[in-house]
Amino acid sequence: MPVTIIAGNDVDQNANISTTGGDVLVTAGQDIDMQSGTTTSSGGGNIRLEATAGQILLGEVAAF
């Protein structure tokens, strides 16, 4: 099952995001901030992180 998160401003990820084989899409109008120790995983699906007018601060991203 895919996971989609869309925000007009920032996305502040303070918990893990995961799916088993589905895609993960996170789009923010400003910044994407993954807090220390958080993970985004897709179990083999695609992961796309897009900050249209800001920056992306990564924790751990795993697409396997």
N, C-alpha and C. Protein backbone atom coordinates (compact mmCIF):
# COMPACT_ATOMS: atom_id res chain seq x y z
N MET A 1 0.84 -1.16 0.00
CA MET A 1 0.00 0.00 0.00
C MET A 1 0.90 1.24 0.00
N PRO A 2 0.68 2.20 -0.88
CA PRO A 2 1.51 3.41 -0.94
C PRO A 2 1.21 4.35 0.23
N VAL A 3 2.22 5.18 0.53
CA VAL A 3 2.09 6.21 1.55
C VAL A 3 2.38 7.55 0.88
N THR A 4 1.46 8.50 1.00
CA THR A 4 1.63 9.83 0.41
C THR A 4 1.39 10.89 1.49
N ILE A 5 2.38 11.80 1.61
CA ILE A 5 2.26 12.92 2.54
C ILE A 5 2.54 14.19 1.75
N ILE A 6 1.59 15.13 1.75
CA ILE A 6 1.75 16.39 1.03
C ILE A 6 1.44 17.52 1.99
N ALA A 7 2.38 18.49 2.09
CA ALA A 7 2.19 19.63 2.99
C ALA A 7 2.50 20.92 2.25
N GLY A 8 1.74 21.96 2.51
CA GLY A 8 1.99 23.26 1.90
C GLY A 8 3.23 23.94 2.46
N ASN A 9 3.60 23.60 3.69
CA ASN A 9 4.78 24.17 4.33
C ASN A 9 5.78 23.06 4.61
N ASP A 10 6.23 22.91 5.87
CA ASP A 10 7.24 21.92 6.24
C ASP A 10 6.62 20.56 6.54
N VAL A 11 7.44 19.52 6.36
CA VAL A 11 7.14 18.20 6.88
C VAL A 11 8.22 17.91 7.92
N ASP A 12 7.82 17.74 9.17
CA ASP A 12 8.73 17.39 10.26
C ASP A 12 8.44 15.95 10.66
N GLN A 13 9.30 15.04 10.22
CA GLN A 13 9.08 13.61 10.48
C GLN A 13 9.72 13.24 11.81
N ASN A 14 8.89 12.89 12.80
CA ASN A 14 9.41 12.50 14.11
C ASN A 14 9.04 11.07 14.47
N ALA A 15 8.59 10.30 13.48
CA ALA A 15 8.28 8.88 13.66
C ALA A 15 8.62 8.17 12.34
N ASN A 16 8.74 6.86 12.39
CA ASN A 16 9.08 6.09 11.20
C ASN A 16 7.90 6.04 10.23
N ILE A 17 8.23 6.01 8.93
CA ILE A 17 7.25 5.80 7.87
C ILE A 17 7.67 4.52 7.15
N SER A 18 6.75 3.56 7.00
CA SER A 18 7.13 2.32 6.32
C SER A 18 5.94 1.71 5.60
N THR A 19 6.27 0.97 4.55
CA THR A 19 5.30 0.19 3.80
C THR A 19 6.01 -1.06 3.31
N THR A 20 5.27 -2.08 2.98
CA THR A 20 5.88 -3.32 2.51
C THR A 20 5.64 -3.45 1.01
N GLY A 21 6.50 -2.85 0.23
CA GLY A 21 6.41 -2.94 -1.22
C GLY A 21 5.71 -1.80 -1.90
N GLY A 22 5.11 -0.90 -1.15
CA GLY A 22 4.44 0.25 -1.75
C GLY A 22 5.39 1.43 -1.85
N ASP A 23 5.04 2.40 -2.66
CA ASP A 23 5.84 3.60 -2.81
C ASP A 23 5.59 4.57 -1.66
N VAL A 24 6.60 5.42 -1.38
CA VAL A 24 6.47 6.48 -0.39
C VAL A 24 6.75 7.80 -1.10
N LEU A 25 5.81 8.75 -1.00
CA LEU A 25 5.97 10.08 -1.58
C LEU A 25 5.77 11.10 -0.47
N VAL A 26 6.78 11.94 -0.26
CA VAL A 26 6.68 13.04 0.71
C VAL A 26 7.00 14.32 -0.04
N THR A 27 6.04 15.24 -0.09
CA THR A 27 6.21 16.52 -0.77
C THR A 27 5.92 17.65 0.22
N ALA A 28 6.85 18.62 0.28
CA ALA A 28 6.68 19.76 1.17
C ALA A 28 6.88 21.04 0.39
N GLY A 29 6.09 22.06 0.71
CA GLY A 29 6.26 23.36 0.08
C GLY A 29 7.53 24.04 0.53
N GLN A 30 8.02 23.68 1.71
CA GLN A 30 9.27 24.23 2.25
C GLN A 30 10.24 23.08 2.52
N ASP A 31 10.55 22.83 3.80
CA ASP A 31 11.57 21.85 4.18
C ASP A 31 10.98 20.49 4.56
N ILE A 32 11.80 19.46 4.39
CA ILE A 32 11.53 18.14 4.95
C ILE A 32 12.63 17.88 5.96
N ASP A 33 12.26 17.68 7.23
CA ASP A 33 13.21 17.43 8.30
C ASP A 33 12.90 16.09 8.95
N MET A 34 13.79 15.11 8.75
CA MET A 34 13.68 13.83 9.43
C MET A 34 14.46 13.94 10.73
N GLN A 35 13.79 13.73 11.86
CA GLN A 35 14.47 13.81 13.15
C GLN A 35 15.46 12.66 13.30
N SER A 36 16.45 12.85 14.12
CA SER A 36 17.47 11.84 14.37
C SER A 36 16.83 10.52 14.81
N GLY A 37 17.24 9.43 14.18
CA GLY A 37 16.72 8.11 14.53
C GLY A 37 15.48 7.69 13.78
N THR A 38 14.91 8.56 12.91
CA THR A 38 13.73 8.18 12.14
C THR A 38 14.13 7.53 10.83
N THR A 39 13.24 6.67 10.33
CA THR A 39 13.49 5.92 9.10
C THR A 39 12.28 6.03 8.18
N THR A 40 12.56 6.13 6.88
CA THR A 40 11.53 5.98 5.85
C THR A 40 11.92 4.76 5.04
N SER A 41 11.07 3.74 5.01
CA SER A 41 11.38 2.51 4.29
C SER A 41 10.19 2.06 3.47
N SER A 42 10.51 1.44 2.31
CA SER A 42 9.44 1.06 1.38
C SER A 42 9.37 -0.44 1.09
N GLY A 43 10.25 -1.24 1.61
CA GLY A 43 10.19 -2.68 1.38
C GLY A 43 10.27 -3.05 -0.08
N GLY A 44 11.01 -2.29 -0.87
CA GLY A 44 11.17 -2.57 -2.30
C GLY A 44 10.47 -1.60 -3.21
N GLY A 45 9.62 -0.75 -2.68
CA GLY A 45 8.96 0.27 -3.49
C GLY A 45 9.85 1.49 -3.65
N ASN A 46 9.40 2.44 -4.43
CA ASN A 46 10.15 3.68 -4.64
C ASN A 46 9.93 4.65 -3.49
N ILE A 47 10.94 5.50 -3.24
CA ILE A 47 10.82 6.58 -2.26
C ILE A 47 11.16 7.88 -2.96
N ARG A 48 10.26 8.87 -2.83
CA ARG A 48 10.52 10.19 -3.40
C ARG A 48 10.28 11.24 -2.33
N LEU A 49 11.31 12.05 -2.09
CA LEU A 49 11.22 13.17 -1.14
C LEU A 49 11.44 14.44 -1.94
N GLU A 50 10.49 15.38 -1.86
CA GLU A 50 10.58 16.62 -2.64
C GLU A 50 10.26 17.81 -1.76
N ALA A 51 11.24 18.71 -1.61
CA ALA A 51 11.05 19.98 -0.91
C ALA A 51 11.11 21.07 -1.97
N THR A 52 9.96 21.58 -2.39
CA THR A 52 9.91 22.45 -3.58
C THR A 52 10.60 23.78 -3.40
N ALA A 53 10.65 24.32 -2.17
CA ALA A 53 11.30 25.62 -1.97
C ALA A 53 12.17 25.60 -0.72
N GLY A 54 12.69 24.44 -0.38
CA GLY A 54 13.48 24.34 0.85
C GLY A 54 14.54 23.27 0.72
N GLN A 55 14.90 22.70 1.86
CA GLN A 55 15.94 21.69 1.89
C GLN A 55 15.42 20.42 2.54
N ILE A 56 16.18 19.33 2.36
CA ILE A 56 15.82 18.05 2.94
C ILE A 56 16.94 17.63 3.89
N LEU A 57 16.58 17.34 5.13
CA LEU A 57 17.49 16.86 6.14
C LEU A 57 17.13 15.39 6.38
N LEU A 58 18.04 14.47 6.04
CA LEU A 58 17.72 13.05 6.09
C LEU A 58 18.12 12.40 7.39
N GLY A 59 17.30 11.41 7.78
CA GLY A 59 17.65 10.44 8.83
C GLY A 59 18.14 9.21 8.09
N GLU A 60 17.29 8.19 7.97
CA GLU A 60 17.64 6.98 7.21
C GLU A 60 16.54 6.71 6.20
N VAL A 61 16.95 6.45 4.94
CA VAL A 61 16.02 6.13 3.85
C VAL A 61 16.42 4.77 3.29
N ALA A 62 15.49 3.80 3.28
CA ALA A 62 15.78 2.45 2.80
C ALA A 62 14.69 1.98 1.86
N ALA A 63 15.06 1.74 0.60
CA ALA A 63 14.08 1.29 -0.40
C ALA A 63 14.21 -0.20 -0.69
N PHE A 64 14.76 -0.97 0.22
CA PHE A 64 14.90 -2.42 -0.02
C PHE A 64 14.04 -3.19 0.94
